[in-house]
């Protein structure tokens, strides 16, 4: 039981990292700064700093990667919720 929860939490962390990496790649490919303001609005870079010839990101690949990571995240979250329910039921039975 504990191993299952640990594996699910590791999967959640891994999926979140994949999503973050993909989102950062897309953000950088459109010429936005790495740091965003508190509202979440990205500040465009100065046009002289953007070298469009060196930036190549396959958007369709990134979208597929994000969808796979999202599905993995959802499945791992369901594992954690189910394990929590099982533990809760077990504790209710013992009481």
PDB file of N, CA and C in Angstrom:
ATOM      1  N   UNK A   1       0.821  -1.184   0.000  1.00  0.00           N
ATOM      2  CA  UNK A   1       0.000   0.000   0.000  1.00  0.00           C
ATOM      3  C   UNK A   1       0.875   1.262   0.000  1.00  0.00           C
ATOM      4  N   UNK A   2       1.825   1.311   0.928  1.00  0.00           N
ATOM      5  CA  UNK A   2       2.701   2.486   1.019  1.00  0.00           C
ATOM      6  C   UNK A   2       3.563   2.619  -0.238  1.00  0.00           C
ATOM      7  N   UNK A   3       4.044   1.480  -0.770  1.00  0.00           N
ATOM      8  CA  UNK A   3       4.831   1.537  -2.009  1.00  0.00           C
ATOM      9  C   UNK A   3       4.013   2.108  -3.152  1.00  0.00           C
ATOM     10  N   UNK A   4       2.740   1.728  -3.227  1.00  0.00           N
ATOM     11  CA  UNK A   4       1.866   2.250  -4.275  1.00  0.00           C
ATOM     12  C   UNK A   4       1.696   3.749  -4.181  1.00  0.00           C
ATOM     13  N   UNK A   5       1.511   4.236  -2.957  1.00  0.00           N
ATOM     14  CA  UNK A   5       1.375   5.678  -2.761  1.00  0.00           C
ATOM     15  C   UNK A   5       2.678   6.394  -3.103  1.00  0.00           C
ATOM     16  N   UNK A   6       3.784   5.824  -2.658  1.00  0.00           N
ATOM     17  CA  UNK A   6       5.087   6.430  -2.956  1.00  0.00           C
ATOM     18  C   UNK A   6       5.327   6.488  -4.462  1.00  0.00           C
ATOM     19  N   UNK A   7       5.026   5.394  -5.169  1.00  0.00           N
ATOM     20  CA  UNK A   7       5.205   5.375  -6.623  1.00  0.00           C
ATOM     21  C   UNK A   7       4.293   6.389  -7.307  1.00  0.00           C
ATOM     22  N   UNK A   8       3.063   6.503  -6.823  1.00  0.00           N
ATOM     23  CA  UNK A   8       2.136   7.473  -7.407  1.00  0.00           C
ATOM     24  C   UNK A   8       2.622   8.901  -7.175  1.00  0.00           C
ATOM     25  N   UNK A   9       3.123   9.181  -5.980  1.00  0.00           N
ATOM     26  CA  UNK A   9       3.646  10.523  -5.700  1.00  0.00           C
ATOM     27  C   UNK A   9       4.878  10.829  -6.552  1.00  0.00           C
ATOM     28  N   UNK A  10       5.730   9.829  -6.753  1.00  0.00           N
ATOM     29  CA  UNK A  10       6.889  10.009  -7.630  1.00  0.00           C
ATOM     30  C   UNK A  10       6.433  10.275  -9.054  1.00  0.00           C
ATOM     31  N   UNK A  11       5.388   9.560  -9.484  1.00  0.00           N
ATOM     32  CA  UNK A  11       4.838   9.782 -10.817  1.00  0.00           C
ATOM     33  C   UNK A  11       4.240  11.166 -10.969  1.00  0.00           C
ATOM     34  N   UNK A  12       3.576  11.651  -9.924  1.00  0.00           N
ATOM     35  CA  UNK A  12       3.036  13.008  -9.949  1.00  0.00           C
ATOM     36  C   UNK A  12       4.145  14.038 -10.121  1.00  0.00           C
ATOM     37  N   UNK A  13       5.206  13.861  -9.362  1.00  0.00           N
ATOM     38  CA  UNK A  13       6.330  14.793  -9.436  1.00  0.00           C
ATOM     39  C   UNK A  13       6.968  14.759 -10.820  1.00  0.00           C
ATOM     40  N   UNK A  14       7.163  13.560 -11.359  1.00  0.00           N
ATOM     41  CA  UNK A  14       7.769  13.408 -12.674  1.00  0.00           C
ATOM     42  C   UNK A  14       6.897  14.052 -13.755  1.00  0.00           C
ATOM     43  N   UNK A  15       5.589  13.815 -13.694  1.00  0.00           N
ATOM     44  CA  UNK A  15       4.672  14.396 -14.678  1.00  0.00           C
ATOM     45  C   UNK A  15       4.683  15.921 -14.598  1.00  0.00           C
ATOM     46  N   UNK A  16       4.693  16.444 -13.394  1.00  0.00           N
ATOM     47  CA  UNK A  16       4.729  17.894 -13.219  1.00  0.00           C
ATOM     48  C   UNK A  16       6.017  18.489 -13.791  1.00  0.00           C
ATOM     49  N   UNK A  17       7.143  17.803 -13.610  1.00  0.00           N
ATOM     50  CA  UNK A  17       8.408  18.282 -14.160  1.00  0.00           C
ATOM     51  C   UNK A  17       8.391  18.260 -15.679  1.00  0.00           C
ATOM     52  N   UNK A  18       7.802  17.200 -16.262  1.00  0.00           N
ATOM     53  CA  UNK A  18       7.710  17.112 -17.719  1.00  0.00           C
ATOM     54  C   UNK A  18       6.838  18.245 -18.263  1.00  0.00           C
ATOM     55  N   UNK A  19       5.707  18.496 -17.610  1.00  0.00           N
ATOM     56  CA  UNK A  19       4.831  19.590 -18.025  1.00  0.00           C
ATOM     57  C   UNK A  19       5.544  20.935 -17.935  1.00  0.00           C
ATOM     58  N   UNK A  20       6.284  21.137 -16.845  1.00  0.00           N
ATOM     59  CA  UNK A  20       7.000  22.402 -16.671  1.00  0.00           C
ATOM     60  C   UNK A  20       8.068  22.583 -17.740  1.00  0.00           C
ATOM     61  N   UNK A  21       8.804  21.522 -18.032  1.00  0.00           N
ATOM     62  CA  UNK A  21       9.857  21.596 -19.048  1.00  0.00           C
ATOM     63  C   UNK A  21       9.267  21.901 -20.421  1.00  0.00           C
ATOM     64  N   UNK A  22       8.162  21.254 -20.748  1.00  0.00           N
ATOM     65  CA  UNK A  22       7.516  21.478 -22.030  1.00  0.00           C
ATOM     66  C   UNK A  22       6.961  22.898 -22.130  1.00  0.00           C
ATOM     67  N   UNK A  23       6.331  23.358 -21.063  1.00  0.00           N
ATOM     68  CA  UNK A  23       5.789  24.714 -21.055  1.00  0.00           C
ATOM     69  C   UNK A  23       6.897  25.756 -21.184  1.00  0.00           C
ATOM     70  N   UNK A  24       8.017  25.510 -20.529  1.00  0.00           N
ATOM     71  CA  UNK A  24       9.152  26.429 -20.624  1.00  0.00           C
ATOM     72  C   UNK A  24       9.720  26.455 -22.039  1.00  0.00           C
ATOM     73  N   UNK A  25       9.791  25.287 -22.676  1.00  0.00           N
ATOM     74  CA  UNK A  25      10.278  25.223 -24.056  1.00  0.00           C
ATOM     75  C   UNK A  25       9.377  26.028 -24.985  1.00  0.00           C
ATOM     76  N   UNK A  26       8.081  25.863 -24.827  1.00  0.00           N
ATOM     77  CA  UNK A  26       7.143  26.622 -25.659  1.00  0.00           C
ATOM     78  C   UNK A  26       7.234  28.110 -25.369  1.00  0.00           C
ATOM     79  N   UNK A  27       7.332  28.445 -24.100  1.00  0.00           N
ATOM     80  CA  UNK A  27       7.425  29.856 -23.715  1.00  0.00           C
ATOM     81  C   UNK A  27       8.660  30.494 -24.338  1.00  0.00           C
ATOM     82  N   UNK A  28       9.790  29.813 -24.239  1.00  0.00           N
ATOM     83  CA  UNK A  28      11.031  30.360 -24.775  1.00  0.00           C
ATOM     84  C   UNK A  28      11.014  30.417 -26.293  1.00  0.00           C
ATOM     85  N   UNK A  29      10.308  29.484 -26.935  1.00  0.00           N
ATOM     86  CA  UNK A  29      10.282  29.480 -28.396  1.00  0.00           C
ATOM     87  C   UNK A  29       9.492  30.657 -28.947  1.00  0.00           C
ATOM     88  N   UNK A  30       8.591  31.220 -28.151  1.00  0.00           N
ATOM     89  CA  UNK A  30       7.822  32.368 -28.599  1.00  0.00           C
ATOM     90  C   UNK A  30       8.462  33.686 -28.185  1.00  0.00           C
ATOM     91  N   UNK A  31       9.653  33.620 -27.613  1.00  0.00           N
ATOM     92  CA  UNK A  31      10.407  34.831 -27.317  1.00  0.00           C
ATOM     93  C   UNK A  31      10.026  35.524 -26.029  1.00  0.00           C
ATOM     94  N   UNK A  32       9.558  34.782 -25.036  1.00  0.00           N
ATOM     95  CA  UNK A  32       9.224  35.390 -23.757  1.00  0.00           C
ATOM     96  C   UNK A  32      10.355  35.159 -22.773  1.00  0.00           C
ATOM     97  N   UNK A  33      10.466  36.087 -21.840  1.00  0.00           N
ATOM     98  CA  UNK A  33      11.483  35.951 -20.800  1.00  0.00           C
ATOM     99  C   UNK A  33      11.155  34.773 -19.897  1.00  0.00           C
ATOM    100  N   UNK A  34      12.180  34.232 -19.263  1.00  0.00           N
ATOM    101  CA  UNK A  34      11.960  33.119 -18.344  1.00  0.00           C
ATOM    102  C   UNK A  34      11.166  33.555 -17.122  1.00  0.00           C
ATOM    103  N   UNK A  35      11.396  34.775 -16.662  1.00  0.00           N
ATOM    104  CA  UNK A  35      10.684  35.263 -15.477  1.00  0.00           C
ATOM    105  C   UNK A  35       9.418  35.985 -15.908  1.00  0.00           C
ATOM    106  N   UNK A  36       8.332  35.634 -15.254  1.00  0.00           N
ATOM    107  CA  UNK A  36       7.061  36.272 -15.551  1.00  0.00           C
ATOM    108  C   UNK A  36       6.649  37.087 -14.340  1.00  0.00           C
ATOM    109  N   UNK A  37       5.800  38.083 -14.582  1.00  0.00           N
ATOM    110  CA  UNK A  37       5.363  38.878 -13.442  1.00  0.00           C
ATOM    111  C   UNK A  37       4.329  38.106 -12.622  1.00  0.00           C
ATOM    112  N   UNK A  38       3.894  38.685 -11.522  1.00  0.00           N
ATOM    113  CA  UNK A  38       3.032  37.979 -10.581  1.00  0.00           C
ATOM    114  C   UNK A  38       1.674  37.611 -11.168  1.00  0.00           C
ATOM    115  N   UNK A  39       1.194  38.362 -12.150  1.00  0.00           N
ATOM    116  CA  UNK A  39      -0.108  38.102 -12.742  1.00  0.00           C
ATOM    117  C   UNK A  39      -0.016  36.963 -13.750  1.00  0.00           C
ATOM    118  N   UNK A  40       1.191  36.610 -14.151  1.00  0.00           N
ATOM    119  CA  UNK A  40       1.373  35.526 -15.107  1.00  0.00           C
ATOM    120  C   UNK A  40       1.485  36.004 -16.532  1.00  0.00           C
ATOM    121  N   UNK A  41       1.620  37.314 -16.706  1.00  0.00           N
ATOM    122  CA  UNK A  41       1.771  37.849 -18.057  1.00  0.00           C
ATOM    123  C   UNK A  41       3.254  37.903 -18.383  1.00  0.00           C
ATOM    124  N   UNK A  42       3.620  37.251 -19.457  1.00  0.00           N
ATOM    125  CA  UNK A  42       5.022  37.240 -19.840  1.00  0.00           C
ATOM    126  C   UNK A  42       5.374  38.555 -20.516  1.00  0.00           C
ATOM    127  N   UNK A  43       6.599  38.956 -20.303  1.00  0.00           N
ATOM    128  CA  UNK A  43       7.087  40.174 -20.922  1.00  0.00           C
ATOM    129  C   UNK A  43       7.863  39.789 -22.182  1.00  0.00           C
ATOM    130  N   UNK A  44       7.498  40.319 -23.352  1.00  0.00           N
ATOM    131  CA  UNK A  44       8.241  39.975 -24.561  1.00  0.00           C
ATOM    132  C   UNK A  44       9.680  40.484 -24.484  1.00  0.00           C
ATOM    133  N   UNK A  45      10.572  39.728 -25.064  1.00  0.00           N
ATOM    134  CA  UNK A  45      11.975  40.162 -25.111  1.00  0.00           C
ATOM    135  C   UNK A  45      12.109  41.304 -26.113  1.00  0.00           C
ATOM    136  N   UNK A  46      13.205  42.009 -25.988  1.00  0.00           N
ATOM    137  CA  UNK A  46      13.508  43.029 -26.983  1.00  0.00           C
ATOM    138  C   UNK A  46      13.831  42.326 -28.291  1.00  0.00           C
ATOM    139  N   UNK A  47      13.337  42.882 -29.373  1.00  0.00           N
ATOM    140  CA  UNK A  47      13.452  42.202 -30.663  1.00  0.00           C
ATOM    141  C   UNK A  47      14.904  41.932 -31.058  1.00  0.00           C
ATOM    142  N   UNK A  48      15.835  42.762 -30.632  1.00  0.00           N
ATOM    143  CA  UNK A  48      17.226  42.535 -31.008  1.00  0.00           C
ATOM    144  C   UNK A  48      17.835  41.325 -30.286  1.00  0.00           C
ATOM    145  N   UNK A  49      17.207  40.866 -29.210  1.00  0.00           N
ATOM    146  CA  UNK A  49      17.739  39.727 -28.488  1.00  0.00           C
ATOM    147  C   UNK A  49      17.205  38.390 -29.010  1.00  0.00           C
ATOM    148  N   UNK A  50      16.170  38.424 -29.843  1.00  0.00           N
ATOM    149  CA  UNK A  50      15.577  37.191 -30.347  1.00  0.00           C
ATOM    150  C   UNK A  50      16.276  36.768 -31.627  1.00  0.00           C
ATOM    151  N   UNK A  51      16.812  35.573 -31.606  1.00  0.00           N
ATOM    152  CA  UNK A  51      17.420  34.999 -32.804  1.00  0.00           C
ATOM    153  C   UNK A  51      16.509  33.882 -33.277  1.00  0.00           C
ATOM    154  N   UNK A  52      15.608  34.199 -34.191  1.00  0.00           N
ATOM    155  CA  UNK A  52      14.604  33.223 -34.610  1.00  0.00           C
ATOM    156  C   UNK A  52      15.207  32.050 -35.369  1.00  0.00           C
ATOM    157  N   UNK A  53      16.387  32.199 -35.910  1.00  0.00           N
ATOM    158  CA  UNK A  53      17.018  31.092 -36.630  1.00  0.00           C
ATOM    159  C   UNK A  53      17.503  29.990 -35.696  1.00  0.00           C
ATOM    160  N   UNK A  54      17.858  30.343 -34.453  1.00  0.00           N
ATOM    161  CA  UNK A  54      18.386  29.344 -33.524  1.00  0.00           C
ATOM    162  C   UNK A  54      17.293  28.673 -32.696  1.00  0.00           C
ATOM    163  N   UNK A  55      16.070  29.207 -32.757  1.00  0.00           N
ATOM    164  CA  UNK A  55      14.974  28.647 -31.969  1.00  0.00           C
ATOM    165  C   UNK A  55      14.166  27.706 -32.853  1.00  0.00           C
ATOM    166  N   UNK A  56      14.118  26.436 -32.453  1.00  0.00           N
ATOM    167  CA  UNK A  56      13.294  25.472 -33.180  1.00  0.00           C
ATOM    168  C   UNK A  56      12.649  24.532 -32.186  1.00  0.00           C
ATOM    169  N   UNK A  57      11.388  24.671 -32.020  1.00  0.00           N
ATOM    170  CA  UNK A  57      10.610  23.809 -31.139  1.00  0.00           C
ATOM    171  C   UNK A  57       9.464  23.246 -31.970  1.00  0.00           C
ATOM    172  N   UNK A  58       9.318  21.936 -31.961  1.00  0.00           N
ATOM    173  CA  UNK A  58       8.207  21.303 -32.653  1.00  0.00           C
ATOM    174  C   UNK A  58       6.988  21.386 -31.744  1.00  0.00           C
ATOM    175  N   UNK A  59       6.074  22.290 -32.078  1.00  0.00           N
ATOM    176  CA  UNK A  59       4.925  22.542 -31.211  1.00  0.00           C
ATOM    177  C   UNK A  59       4.060  21.304 -31.078  1.00  0.00           C
ATOM    178  N   UNK A  60       3.871  20.573 -32.164  1.00  0.00           N
ATOM    179  CA  UNK A  60       3.021  19.377 -32.079  1.00  0.00           C
ATOM    180  C   UNK A  60       3.636  18.341 -31.140  1.00  0.00           C
ATOM    181  N   UNK A  61       4.956  18.234 -31.143  1.00  0.00           N
ATOM    182  CA  UNK A  61       5.636  17.303 -30.233  1.00  0.00           C
ATOM    183  C   UNK A  61       5.443  17.731 -28.780  1.00  0.00           C
ATOM    184  N   UNK A  62       5.521  19.027 -28.541  1.00  0.00           N
ATOM    185  CA  UNK A  62       5.335  19.536 -27.187  1.00  0.00           C
ATOM    186  C   UNK A  62       3.900  19.318 -26.706  1.00  0.00           C
ATOM    187  N   UNK A  63       2.924  19.495 -27.601  1.00  0.00           N
ATOM    188  CA  UNK A  63       1.529  19.284 -27.222  1.00  0.00           C
ATOM    189  C   UNK A  63       1.290  17.814 -26.885  1.00  0.00           C
ATOM    190  N   UNK A  64       1.849  16.918 -27.692  1.00  0.00           N
ATOM    191  CA  UNK A  64       1.712  15.484 -27.416  1.00  0.00           C
ATOM    192  C   UNK A  64       2.371  15.148 -26.080  1.00  0.00           C
ATOM    193  N   UNK A  65       3.550  15.688 -25.838  1.00  0.00           N
ATOM    194  CA  UNK A  65       4.255  15.462 -24.577  1.00  0.00           C
ATOM    195  C   UNK A  65       3.411  15.952 -23.398  1.00  0.00           C
ATOM    196  N   UNK A  66       2.806  17.120 -23.549  1.00  0.00           N
ATOM    197  CA  UNK A  66       1.973  17.656 -22.474  1.00  0.00           C
ATOM    198  C   UNK A  66       0.741  16.796 -22.234  1.00  0.00           C
ATOM    199  N   UNK A  67       0.125  16.301 -23.304  1.00  0.00           N
ATOM    200  CA  UNK A  67      -1.058  15.443 -23.139  1.00  0.00           C
ATOM    201  C   UNK A  67      -0.713  14.130 -22.449  1.00  0.00           C
ATOM    202  N   UNK A  68       0.425  13.553 -22.790  1.00  0.00           N
ATOM    203  CA  UNK A  68       0.860  12.311 -22.140  1.00  0.00           C
ATOM    204  C   UNK A  68       1.147  12.563 -20.664  1.00  0.00           C
ATOM    205  N   UNK A  69       1.851  13.653 -20.378  1.00  0.00           N
ATOM    206  CA  UNK A  69       2.172  13.982 -18.986  1.00  0.00           C
ATOM    207  C   UNK A  69       0.902  14.289 -18.193  1.00  0.00           C
ATOM    208  N   UNK A  70      -0.056  14.958 -18.827  1.00  0.00           N
ATOM    209  CA  UNK A  70      -1.323  15.264 -18.159  1.00  0.00           C
ATOM    210  C   UNK A  70      -2.069  13.977 -17.819  1.00  0.00           C
ATOM    211  N   UNK A  71      -2.092  13.034 -18.762  1.00  0.00           N
ATOM    212  CA  UNK A  71      -2.768  11.754 -18.506  1.00  0.00           C
ATOM    213  C   UNK A  71      -2.075  10.990 -17.380  1.00  0.00           C
ATOM    214  N   UNK A  72      -0.743  10.988 -17.397  1.00  0.00           N
ATOM    215  CA  UNK A  72       0.009  10.303 -16.344  1.00  0.00           C
ATOM    216  C   UNK A  72      -0.246  10.958 -14.991  1.00  0.00           C
ATOM    217  N   UNK A  73      -0.299  12.270 -14.966  1.00  0.00           N
ATOM    218  CA  UNK A  73      -0.564  12.998 -13.727  1.00  0.00           C
ATOM    219  C   UNK A  73      -1.942  12.623 -13.180  1.00  0.00           C
ATOM    220  N   UNK A  74      -2.937  12.594 -14.079  1.00  0.00           N
ATOM    221  CA  UNK A  74      -4.306  12.268 -13.674  1.00  0.00           C
ATOM    222  C   UNK A  74      -4.397  10.862 -13.095  1.00  0.00           C
ATOM    223  N   UNK A  75      -3.755   9.911 -13.761  1.00  0.00           N
ATOM    224  CA  UNK A  75      -3.790   8.527 -13.283  1.00  0.00           C
ATOM    225  C   UNK A  75      -3.116   8.409 -11.921  1.00  0.00           C
ATOM    226  N   UNK A  76      -1.963   9.032 -11.757  1.00  0.00           N
ATOM    227  CA  UNK A  76      -1.270   8.975 -10.472  1.00  0.00           C
ATOM    228  C   UNK A  76      -2.075   9.659  -9.372  1.00  0.00           C
ATOM    229  N   UNK A  77      -2.753  10.740  -9.703  1.00  0.00           N
ATOM    230  CA  UNK A  77      -3.597  11.415  -8.711  1.00  0.00           C
ATOM    231  C   UNK A  77      -4.749  10.507  -8.285  1.00  0.00           C
ATOM    232  N   UNK A  78      -5.311   9.766  -9.232  1.00  0.00           N
ATOM    233  CA  UNK A  78      -6.395   8.836  -8.895  1.00  0.00           C
ATOM    234  C   UNK A  78      -5.894   7.712  -7.995  1.00  0.00           C
ATOM    235  N   UNK A  79      -4.656   7.269  -8.211  1.00  0.00           N
ATOM    236  CA  UNK A  79      -4.077   6.236  -7.345  1.00  0.00           C
ATOM    237  C   UNK A  79      -3.973   6.754  -5.918  1.00  0.00           C
ATOM    238  N   UNK A  80      -3.509   7.984  -5.763  1.00  0.00           N
ATOM    239  CA  UNK A  80      -3.372   8.567  -4.424  1.00  0.00           C
ATOM    240  C   UNK A  80      -4.741   8.708  -3.764  1.00  0.00           C
ATOM    241  N   UNK A  81      -5.730   9.181  -4.505  1.00  0.00           N
ATOM    242  CA  UNK A  81      -7.081   9.340  -3.950  1.00  0.00           C
ATOM    243  C   UNK A  81      -7.654   7.988  -3.534  1.00  0.00           C
ATOM    244  N   UNK A  82      -7.488   6.978  -4.390  1.00  0.00           N
ATOM    245  CA  UNK A  82      -8.000   5.644  -4.076  1.00  0.00           C
ATOM    246  C   UNK A  82      -7.309   5.069  -2.837  1.00  0.00           C
ATOM    247  N   UNK A  83      -5.997   5.219  -2.759  1.00  0.00           N
ATOM    248  CA  UNK A  83      -5.262   4.726  -1.587  1.00  0.00           C
ATOM    249  C   UNK A  83      -5.725   5.443  -0.327  1.00  0.00           C
ATOM    250  N   UNK A  84      -5.974   6.739  -0.447  1.00  0.00           N
ATOM    251  CA  UNK A  84      -6.473   7.499   0.699  1.00  0.00           C
ATOM    252  C   UNK A  84      -7.842   6.975   1.142  1.00  0.00           C
ATOM    253  N   UNK A  85      -8.681   6.667   0.189  1.00  0.00           N
ATOM    254  CA  UNK A  85     -10.001   6.128   0.525  1.00  0.00           C
ATOM    255  C   UNK A  85      -9.888   4.757   1.194  1.00  0.00           C
ATOM    256  N   UNK A  86      -8.996   3.929   0.686  1.00  0.00           N
ATOM    257  CA  UNK A  86      -8.794   2.610   1.272  1.00  0.00           C
ATOM    258  C   UNK A  86      -8.293   2.730   2.708  1.00  0.00           C
ATOM    259  N   UNK A  87      -7.334   3.606   2.931  1.00  0.00           N
ATOM    260  CA  UNK A  87      -6.810   3.811   4.291  1.00  0.00           C
ATOM    261  C   UNK A  87      -7.906   4.335   5.202  1.00  0.00           C
ATOM    262  N   UNK A  88      -8.723   5.285   4.698  1.00  0.00           N
ATOM    263  CA  UNK A  88      -9.824   5.826   5.495  1.00  0.00           C
ATOM    264  C   UNK A  88     -10.831   4.762   5.858  1.00  0.00           C
ATOM    265  N   UNK A  89     -11.160   3.897   4.885  1.00  0.00           N
ATOM    266  CA  UNK A  89     -12.105   2.814   5.155  1.00  0.00           C
ATOM    267  C   UNK A  89     -11.535   1.828   6.175  1.00  0.00           C
ATOM    268  N   UNK A  90     -10.251   1.523   6.031  1.00  0.00           N
ATOM    269  CA  UNK A  90      -9.598   0.604   6.970  1.00  0.00           C
ATOM    270  C   UNK A  90      -9.615   1.183   8.379  1.00  0.00           C
ATOM    271  N   UNK A  91      -9.347   2.466   8.509  1.00  0.00           N
ATOM    272  CA  UNK A  91      -9.362   3.095   9.831  1.00  0.00           C
ATOM    273  C   UNK A  91     -10.781   3.144  10.407  1.00  0.00           C
ATOM    274  N   UNK A  92     -11.774   3.334   9.549  1.00  0.00           N
ATOM    275  CA  UNK A  92     -13.153   3.326  10.026  1.00  0.00           C
ATOM    276  C   UNK A  92     -13.569   1.959  10.525  1.00  0.00           C
ATOM    277  N   UNK A  93     -13.111   0.894   9.845  1.00  0.00           N
ATOM    278  CA  UNK A  93     -13.455  -0.468  10.241  1.00  0.00           C
ATOM    279  C   UNK A  93     -12.820  -0.801  11.589  1.00  0.00           C
ATOM    280  N   UNK A  94     -11.567  -0.359  11.800  1.00  0.00           N
ATOM    281  CA  UNK A  94     -10.856  -0.670  13.038  1.00  0.00           C
ATOM    282  C   UNK A  94     -11.434   0.097  14.225  1.00  0.00           C
ATOM    283  N   UNK A  95     -12.066   1.222  13.999  1.00  0.00           N
ATOM    284  CA  UNK A  95     -12.561   2.048  15.115  1.00  0.00           C
ATOM    285  C   UNK A  95     -13.763   1.461  15.780  1.00  0.00           C
TER     286      UNK A  95
END
